[in-house]
Amino acid sequence: MKIGFLRKYSLLFFVLILIFSVLFYFLLMGAAGHGFYMNSTDTFALIIALCGIFILPNYRNGLIKNKQTKNSILILSMIIAIGTIILGITVLKSSIDFNYGDDVSGIVIGLFYAVPLIFIIINGIILNEIVIRLLENTSYTKLNL
């Protein structure tokens, strides 16, 4: 894939992967047959994912003119992006450690490796863009110290 293509559609892919991951999680929890129980790790991951879906896309919003509000959204988006990178690395590690068995095709296993890798790369691109925008907004050359 070209980096320009990923940079252009990174936020769309980011949100879509998070939405389908949350839906897949609820599908697996409902199909497990053991009742719907979320431990504290699952709750924290779900909160980070939902914040990533609803809050993080606002860092590109050009409608916000107040500099303090824009910086607050950028800082919050950076924290959420770091949290989702950690979630992506955790999912990738779990995919690598999981014993798939003999009845799972290589394509399915490849998807369980490729999706977290693509998500981590896209997350890195978004985090880089957030840091650049934050540095532009808080540049010391613009301040009268």
N, C-alpha and C. Protein backbone atom coordinates (compact mmCIF):
# COMPACT_ATOMS: atom_id res chain seq x y z
N MET A 1 0.83 -1.18 0.00
CA MET A 1 0.00 0.00 0.00
C MET A 1 0.88 1.25 0.00
N LYS A 2 0.38 2.25 -0.64
CA LYS A 2 1.11 3.51 -0.65
C LYS A 2 0.82 4.28 0.62
N ILE A 3 1.83 4.99 1.10
CA ILE A 3 1.67 5.78 2.32
C ILE A 3 0.68 6.92 2.09
N GLY A 4 0.69 7.52 0.90
CA GLY A 4 -0.24 8.61 0.60
C GLY A 4 -1.69 8.15 0.69
N PHE A 5 -1.95 6.95 0.20
CA PHE A 5 -3.30 6.38 0.27
C PHE A 5 -3.69 6.17 1.73
N LEU A 6 -2.77 5.61 2.51
CA LEU A 6 -3.05 5.39 3.93
C LEU A 6 -3.23 6.71 4.67
N ARG A 7 -2.41 7.69 4.33
CA ARG A 7 -2.51 8.99 5.00
C ARG A 7 -3.85 9.66 4.69
N LYS A 8 -4.30 9.51 3.45
CA LYS A 8 -5.55 10.16 3.04
C LYS A 8 -6.76 9.52 3.72
N TYR A 9 -6.77 8.20 3.79
CA TYR A 9 -7.92 7.48 4.33
C TYR A 9 -7.67 6.87 5.71
N SER A 10 -6.63 7.33 6.40
CA SER A 10 -6.26 6.72 7.68
C SER A 10 -7.36 6.84 8.73
N LEU A 11 -7.98 7.98 8.82
CA LEU A 11 -9.02 8.17 9.83
C LEU A 11 -10.25 7.30 9.54
N LEU A 12 -10.60 7.17 8.26
CA LEU A 12 -11.73 6.32 7.89
C LEU A 12 -11.44 4.86 8.25
N PHE A 13 -10.25 4.37 7.88
CA PHE A 13 -9.88 2.99 8.21
C PHE A 13 -9.82 2.80 9.73
N PHE A 14 -9.29 3.77 10.43
CA PHE A 14 -9.19 3.71 11.89
C PHE A 14 -10.56 3.52 12.52
N VAL A 15 -11.50 4.36 12.14
CA VAL A 15 -12.84 4.30 12.73
C VAL A 15 -13.55 3.01 12.32
N LEU A 16 -13.41 2.60 11.06
CA LEU A 16 -14.06 1.37 10.62
C LEU A 16 -13.51 0.15 11.35
N ILE A 17 -12.19 0.07 11.51
CA ILE A 17 -11.60 -1.06 12.22
C ILE A 17 -12.08 -1.08 13.67
N LEU A 18 -12.14 0.09 14.31
CA LEU A 18 -12.62 0.13 15.69
C LEU A 18 -14.09 -0.27 15.79
N ILE A 19 -14.92 0.21 14.88
CA ILE A 19 -16.35 -0.14 14.91
C ILE A 19 -16.53 -1.64 14.74
N PHE A 20 -15.87 -2.22 13.74
CA PHE A 20 -16.03 -3.66 13.51
C PHE A 20 -15.39 -4.49 14.61
N SER A 21 -14.35 -3.98 15.25
CA SER A 21 -13.75 -4.69 16.38
C SER A 21 -14.70 -4.73 17.57
N VAL A 22 -15.35 -3.60 17.85
CA VAL A 22 -16.31 -3.56 18.96
C VAL A 22 -17.49 -4.48 18.66
N LEU A 23 -17.99 -4.45 17.42
CA LEU A 23 -19.10 -5.33 17.05
C LEU A 23 -18.69 -6.80 17.12
N PHE A 24 -17.48 -7.12 16.67
CA PHE A 24 -16.96 -8.48 16.72
C PHE A 24 -16.81 -8.94 18.18
N TYR A 25 -16.37 -8.04 19.03
CA TYR A 25 -16.24 -8.36 20.46
C TYR A 25 -17.60 -8.71 21.05
N PHE A 26 -18.62 -7.88 20.77
CA PHE A 26 -19.96 -8.16 21.30
C PHE A 26 -20.53 -9.44 20.71
N LEU A 27 -20.24 -9.73 19.44
CA LEU A 27 -20.69 -10.97 18.82
C LEU A 27 -20.07 -12.17 19.51
N LEU A 28 -18.76 -12.12 19.77
CA LEU A 28 -18.11 -13.23 20.46
C LEU A 28 -18.60 -13.39 21.89
N MET A 29 -18.81 -12.27 22.58
CA MET A 29 -19.30 -12.35 23.95
C MET A 29 -20.71 -12.94 24.00
N GLY A 30 -21.54 -12.58 23.03
CA GLY A 30 -22.89 -13.11 23.00
C GLY A 30 -22.94 -14.56 22.57
N ALA A 31 -22.02 -14.99 21.72
CA ALA A 31 -22.01 -16.36 21.22
C ALA A 31 -21.29 -17.32 22.16
N ALA A 32 -20.62 -16.81 23.16
CA ALA A 32 -19.84 -17.68 24.05
C ALA A 32 -20.73 -18.58 24.89
N GLY A 33 -21.92 -18.14 25.22
CA GLY A 33 -22.84 -18.96 25.99
C GLY A 33 -22.57 -18.97 27.47
N HIS A 34 -21.61 -18.21 27.94
CA HIS A 34 -21.28 -18.17 29.36
C HIS A 34 -21.85 -16.93 30.05
N GLY A 35 -22.69 -16.23 29.38
CA GLY A 35 -23.20 -14.99 29.94
C GLY A 35 -22.32 -13.83 29.50
N PHE A 36 -22.88 -12.66 29.59
CA PHE A 36 -22.17 -11.47 29.12
C PHE A 36 -21.50 -10.81 30.31
N TYR A 37 -20.21 -11.11 30.50
CA TYR A 37 -19.45 -10.58 31.62
C TYR A 37 -18.23 -9.85 31.07
N MET A 38 -18.07 -8.59 31.47
CA MET A 38 -16.91 -7.81 31.05
C MET A 38 -16.04 -7.55 32.27
N ASN A 39 -14.77 -7.96 32.19
CA ASN A 39 -13.85 -7.65 33.28
C ASN A 39 -13.32 -6.23 33.11
N SER A 40 -12.47 -5.80 34.03
CA SER A 40 -12.01 -4.41 34.01
C SER A 40 -11.15 -4.11 32.77
N THR A 41 -10.38 -5.07 32.29
CA THR A 41 -9.56 -4.87 31.09
C THR A 41 -10.44 -4.66 29.87
N ASP A 42 -11.48 -5.49 29.75
CA ASP A 42 -12.40 -5.34 28.63
C ASP A 42 -13.14 -4.01 28.68
N THR A 43 -13.52 -3.59 29.87
CA THR A 43 -14.22 -2.31 30.02
C THR A 43 -13.32 -1.15 29.63
N PHE A 44 -12.05 -1.18 30.09
CA PHE A 44 -11.10 -0.13 29.73
C PHE A 44 -10.86 -0.10 28.22
N ALA A 45 -10.69 -1.27 27.61
CA ALA A 45 -10.46 -1.34 26.16
C ALA A 45 -11.68 -0.83 25.40
N LEU A 46 -12.86 -1.15 25.88
CA LEU A 46 -14.08 -0.68 25.22
C LEU A 46 -14.23 0.83 25.33
N ILE A 47 -13.88 1.40 26.48
CA ILE A 47 -13.95 2.86 26.65
C ILE A 47 -12.96 3.54 25.71
N ILE A 48 -11.73 3.02 25.62
CA ILE A 48 -10.73 3.59 24.71
C ILE A 48 -11.21 3.48 23.27
N ALA A 49 -11.78 2.33 22.90
CA ALA A 49 -12.26 2.15 21.52
C ALA A 49 -13.41 3.10 21.21
N LEU A 50 -14.34 3.26 22.12
CA LEU A 50 -15.46 4.18 21.88
C LEU A 50 -14.99 5.63 21.83
N CYS A 51 -14.02 6.00 22.67
CA CYS A 51 -13.45 7.34 22.59
C CYS A 51 -12.73 7.52 21.25
N GLY A 52 -12.08 6.47 20.78
CA GLY A 52 -11.43 6.53 19.48
C GLY A 52 -12.41 6.71 18.34
N ILE A 53 -13.59 6.14 18.48
CA ILE A 53 -14.61 6.27 17.44
C ILE A 53 -15.22 7.67 17.46
N PHE A 54 -15.52 8.20 18.65
CA PHE A 54 -16.29 9.43 18.73
C PHE A 54 -15.47 10.70 18.95
N ILE A 55 -14.34 10.60 19.63
CA ILE A 55 -13.57 11.81 19.98
C ILE A 55 -12.40 12.04 19.04
N LEU A 56 -11.62 11.00 18.75
CA LEU A 56 -10.39 11.18 17.97
C LEU A 56 -10.61 11.80 16.59
N PRO A 57 -11.67 11.47 15.85
CA PRO A 57 -11.84 12.10 14.53
C PRO A 57 -11.98 13.62 14.56
N ASN A 58 -12.25 14.21 15.72
CA ASN A 58 -12.43 15.66 15.81
C ASN A 58 -11.13 16.44 15.72
N TYR A 59 -9.98 15.77 15.74
CA TYR A 59 -8.73 16.54 15.68
C TYR A 59 -8.55 17.19 14.30
N ARG A 60 -9.20 16.68 13.29
CA ARG A 60 -9.12 17.27 11.95
C ARG A 60 -10.19 18.33 11.71
N ASN A 61 -11.05 18.52 12.67
CA ASN A 61 -12.17 19.45 12.52
C ASN A 61 -11.65 20.88 12.40
N GLY A 62 -11.92 21.51 11.28
CA GLY A 62 -11.49 22.88 11.05
C GLY A 62 -12.47 23.92 11.55
N LEU A 63 -13.58 23.48 12.10
CA LEU A 63 -14.60 24.41 12.56
C LEU A 63 -14.26 25.03 13.91
N ILE A 64 -13.36 24.41 14.65
CA ILE A 64 -13.01 24.90 15.98
C ILE A 64 -11.97 26.00 15.83
N LYS A 65 -12.30 27.19 16.25
CA LYS A 65 -11.40 28.34 16.09
C LYS A 65 -10.65 28.69 17.38
N ASN A 66 -11.21 28.31 18.52
CA ASN A 66 -10.58 28.62 19.80
C ASN A 66 -9.31 27.77 19.95
N LYS A 67 -8.18 28.43 20.19
CA LYS A 67 -6.90 27.74 20.24
C LYS A 67 -6.81 26.79 21.42
N GLN A 68 -7.34 27.17 22.59
CA GLN A 68 -7.29 26.30 23.76
C GLN A 68 -8.14 25.05 23.56
N THR A 69 -9.31 25.21 22.96
CA THR A 69 -10.16 24.06 22.69
C THR A 69 -9.51 23.13 21.69
N LYS A 70 -8.91 23.71 20.65
CA LYS A 70 -8.23 22.91 19.64
C LYS A 70 -7.06 22.13 20.24
N ASN A 71 -6.28 22.79 21.11
CA ASN A 71 -5.16 22.11 21.76
C ASN A 71 -5.65 21.02 22.70
N SER A 72 -6.76 21.26 23.39
CA SER A 72 -7.31 20.25 24.29
C SER A 72 -7.76 19.02 23.52
N ILE A 73 -8.40 19.24 22.38
CA ILE A 73 -8.84 18.12 21.55
C ILE A 73 -7.62 17.37 21.00
N LEU A 74 -6.57 18.10 20.61
CA LEU A 74 -5.37 17.44 20.11
C LEU A 74 -4.69 16.61 21.19
N ILE A 75 -4.60 17.13 22.40
CA ILE A 75 -3.97 16.38 23.49
C ILE A 75 -4.81 15.15 23.84
N LEU A 76 -6.13 15.31 23.93
CA LEU A 76 -7.00 14.18 24.20
C LEU A 76 -6.92 13.14 23.09
N SER A 77 -6.87 13.60 21.83
CA SER A 77 -6.74 12.69 20.70
C SER A 77 -5.41 11.94 20.74
N MET A 78 -4.35 12.63 21.17
CA MET A 78 -3.05 11.97 21.27
C MET A 78 -3.07 10.88 22.34
N ILE A 79 -3.71 11.14 23.46
CA ILE A 79 -3.82 10.13 24.52
C ILE A 79 -4.63 8.94 24.04
N ILE A 80 -5.73 9.20 23.34
CA ILE A 80 -6.57 8.12 22.82
C ILE A 80 -5.80 7.32 21.76
N ALA A 81 -5.04 8.01 20.90
CA ALA A 81 -4.27 7.31 19.87
C ALA A 81 -3.21 6.41 20.50
N ILE A 82 -2.55 6.88 21.54
CA ILE A 82 -1.57 6.04 22.24
C ILE A 82 -2.27 4.84 22.87
N GLY A 83 -3.44 5.06 23.46
CA GLY A 83 -4.20 3.95 24.03
C GLY A 83 -4.62 2.92 23.00
N THR A 84 -5.04 3.38 21.82
CA THR A 84 -5.45 2.43 20.79
C THR A 84 -4.25 1.72 20.17
N ILE A 85 -3.09 2.37 20.14
CA ILE A 85 -1.88 1.66 19.70
C ILE A 85 -1.56 0.52 20.67
N ILE A 86 -1.67 0.80 21.95
CA ILE A 86 -1.43 -0.25 22.95
C ILE A 86 -2.45 -1.38 22.78
N LEU A 87 -3.72 -1.04 22.52
CA LEU A 87 -4.73 -2.07 22.26
C LEU A 87 -4.40 -2.88 21.02
N GLY A 88 -3.94 -2.21 19.96
CA GLY A 88 -3.57 -2.92 18.74
C GLY A 88 -2.42 -3.87 18.96
N ILE A 89 -1.42 -3.45 19.71
CA ILE A 89 -0.28 -4.32 20.02
C ILE A 89 -0.73 -5.50 20.86
N THR A 90 -1.64 -5.26 21.81
CA THR A 90 -2.16 -6.34 22.64
C THR A 90 -2.94 -7.36 21.81
N VAL A 91 -3.76 -6.87 20.88
CA VAL A 91 -4.52 -7.78 20.01
C VAL A 91 -3.57 -8.57 19.11
N LEU A 92 -2.55 -7.93 18.57
CA LEU A 92 -1.58 -8.63 17.74
C LEU A 92 -0.84 -9.70 18.54
N LYS A 93 -0.44 -9.38 19.75
CA LYS A 93 0.24 -10.35 20.61
C LYS A 93 -0.68 -11.52 20.92
N SER A 94 -1.95 -11.23 21.20
CA SER A 94 -2.91 -12.31 21.46
C SER A 94 -3.13 -13.17 20.24
N SER A 95 -3.14 -12.56 19.07
CA SER A 95 -3.31 -13.33 17.82
C SER A 95 -2.12 -14.24 17.57
N ILE A 96 -0.94 -13.76 17.89
CA ILE A 96 0.26 -14.58 17.69
C ILE A 96 0.31 -15.72 18.70
N ASP A 97 -0.08 -15.45 19.94
CA ASP A 97 -0.02 -16.47 20.99
C ASP A 97 -1.16 -17.49 20.92
N PHE A 98 -2.23 -17.18 20.20
CA PHE A 98 -3.41 -18.05 20.17
C PHE A 98 -3.12 -19.32 19.38
N ASN A 99 -3.61 -20.44 19.88
CA ASN A 99 -3.47 -21.72 19.20
C ASN A 99 -4.71 -21.94 18.33
N TYR A 100 -4.57 -21.75 17.03
CA TYR A 100 -5.72 -21.80 16.12
C TYR A 100 -6.20 -23.21 15.82
N GLY A 101 -5.34 -24.19 15.90
CA GLY A 101 -5.73 -25.56 15.59
C GLY A 101 -5.58 -25.85 14.11
N ASP A 102 -5.96 -27.06 13.74
CA ASP A 102 -5.76 -27.52 12.36
C ASP A 102 -6.93 -27.18 11.44
N ASP A 103 -8.07 -26.85 11.97
CA ASP A 103 -9.25 -26.63 11.15
C ASP A 103 -9.42 -25.18 10.68
N VAL A 104 -8.50 -24.29 11.02
CA VAL A 104 -8.59 -22.89 10.61
C VAL A 104 -7.67 -22.67 9.41
N SER A 105 -8.20 -22.03 8.37
CA SER A 105 -7.41 -21.83 7.16
C SER A 105 -6.35 -20.75 7.36
N GLY A 106 -5.37 -20.76 6.50
CA GLY A 106 -4.30 -19.78 6.56
C GLY A 106 -4.77 -18.37 6.27
N ILE A 107 -5.84 -18.25 5.49
CA ILE A 107 -6.38 -16.92 5.18
C ILE A 107 -6.95 -16.26 6.43
N VAL A 108 -7.67 -17.03 7.24
CA VAL A 108 -8.24 -16.49 8.47
C VAL A 108 -7.13 -16.10 9.44
N ILE A 109 -6.13 -16.96 9.57
CA ILE A 109 -5.00 -16.64 10.45
C ILE A 109 -4.27 -15.41 9.94
N GLY A 110 -4.10 -15.30 8.63
CA GLY A 110 -3.46 -14.12 8.05
C GLY A 110 -4.24 -12.85 8.32
N LEU A 111 -5.57 -12.94 8.27
CA LEU A 111 -6.39 -11.77 8.59
C LEU A 111 -6.25 -11.36 10.05
N PHE A 112 -6.17 -12.36 10.94
CA PHE A 112 -6.00 -12.03 12.35
C PHE A 112 -4.62 -11.44 12.65
N TYR A 113 -3.66 -11.62 11.74
CA TYR A 113 -2.35 -10.96 11.87
C TYR A 113 -2.33 -9.62 11.14
N ALA A 114 -2.96 -9.57 9.96
CA ALA A 114 -2.86 -8.39 9.11
C ALA A 114 -3.67 -7.21 9.64
N VAL A 115 -4.87 -7.46 10.15
CA VAL A 115 -5.72 -6.36 10.60
C VAL A 115 -5.08 -5.59 11.76
N PRO A 116 -4.55 -6.26 12.80
CA PRO A 116 -3.89 -5.47 13.84
C PRO A 116 -2.64 -4.75 13.34
N LEU A 117 -1.89 -5.38 12.42
CA LEU A 117 -0.71 -4.70 11.86
C LEU A 117 -1.09 -3.44 11.10
N ILE A 118 -2.11 -3.54 10.26
CA ILE A 118 -2.58 -2.38 9.51
C ILE A 118 -3.11 -1.31 10.48
N PHE A 119 -3.82 -1.75 11.51
CA PHE A 119 -4.34 -0.81 12.50
C PHE A 119 -3.22 -0.07 13.22
N ILE A 120 -2.15 -0.78 13.58
CA ILE A 120 -1.02 -0.14 14.26
C ILE A 120 -0.34 0.86 13.33
N ILE A 121 -0.17 0.51 12.05
CA ILE A 121 0.44 1.43 11.09
C ILE A 121 -0.42 2.68 10.92
N ILE A 122 -1.72 2.49 10.75
CA ILE A 122 -2.64 3.62 10.59
C ILE A 122 -2.64 4.49 11.85
N ASN A 123 -2.59 3.84 13.00
CA ASN A 123 -2.54 4.57 14.26
C ASN A 123 -1.28 5.41 14.35
N GLY A 124 -0.16 4.87 13.89
CA GLY A 124 1.09 5.63 13.88
C GLY A 124 1.00 6.85 12.98
N ILE A 125 0.35 6.70 11.82
CA ILE A 125 0.17 7.82 10.91
C ILE A 125 -0.70 8.90 11.55
N ILE A 126 -1.78 8.48 12.20
CA ILE A 126 -2.67 9.44 12.87
C ILE A 126 -1.95 10.13 14.02
N LEU A 127 -1.20 9.37 14.80
CA LEU A 127 -0.47 9.96 15.92
C LEU A 127 0.57 10.97 15.43
N ASN A 128 1.24 10.64 14.33
CA ASN A 128 2.21 11.57 13.73
C ASN A 128 1.51 12.87 13.30
N GLU A 129 0.36 12.75 12.69
CA GLU A 129 -0.39 13.93 12.25
C GLU A 129 -0.86 14.78 13.44
N ILE A 130 -1.28 14.11 14.51
CA ILE A 130 -1.72 14.83 15.71
C ILE A 130 -0.55 15.59 16.33
N VAL A 131 0.62 14.94 16.43
CA VAL A 131 1.78 15.59 17.02
C VAL A 131 2.21 16.79 16.18
N ILE A 132 2.18 16.66 14.86
CA ILE A 132 2.54 17.78 13.98
C ILE A 132 1.58 18.94 14.18
N ARG A 133 0.28 18.65 14.23
CA ARG A 133 -0.70 19.73 14.45
C ARG A 133 -0.55 20.36 15.83
N LEU A 134 -0.24 19.55 16.82
CA LEU A 134 -0.06 20.09 18.17
C LEU A 134 1.17 20.97 18.23
N LEU A 135 2.25 20.58 17.58
CA LEU A 135 3.45 21.40 17.56
C LEU A 135 3.23 22.70 16.79
N GLU A 136 2.43 22.65 15.73
CA GLU A 136 2.11 23.87 14.98
C GLU A 136 1.29 24.83 15.84
N ASN A 137 0.37 24.30 16.64
CA ASN A 137 -0.49 25.15 17.46
C ASN A 137 0.22 25.72 18.67
N THR A 138 1.23 25.04 19.17
CA THR A 138 1.91 25.48 20.38
C THR A 138 3.35 25.89 20.08
N SER A 139 3.59 26.37 18.90
CA SER A 139 4.95 26.77 18.51
C SER A 139 5.41 27.95 19.36
N TYR A 140 6.64 27.87 19.85
CA TYR A 140 7.18 28.93 20.70
C TYR A 140 7.54 30.18 19.89
N THR A 141 7.68 30.06 18.59
CA THR A 141 8.00 31.22 17.79
C THR A 141 6.81 32.17 17.68
N LYS A 142 5.61 31.64 17.88
CA LYS A 142 4.41 32.47 17.77
C LYS A 142 4.10 33.19 19.09
N LEU A 143 4.70 32.73 20.18
CA LEU A 143 4.42 33.33 21.47
C LEU A 143 5.31 34.53 21.72
N ASN A 144 4.80 35.50 22.41
CA ASN A 144 5.60 36.67 22.79
C ASN A 144 6.08 36.50 24.23
N LEU A 145 7.20 35.82 24.38
CA LEU A 145 7.74 35.60 25.72
C LEU A 145 8.71 36.65 26.10
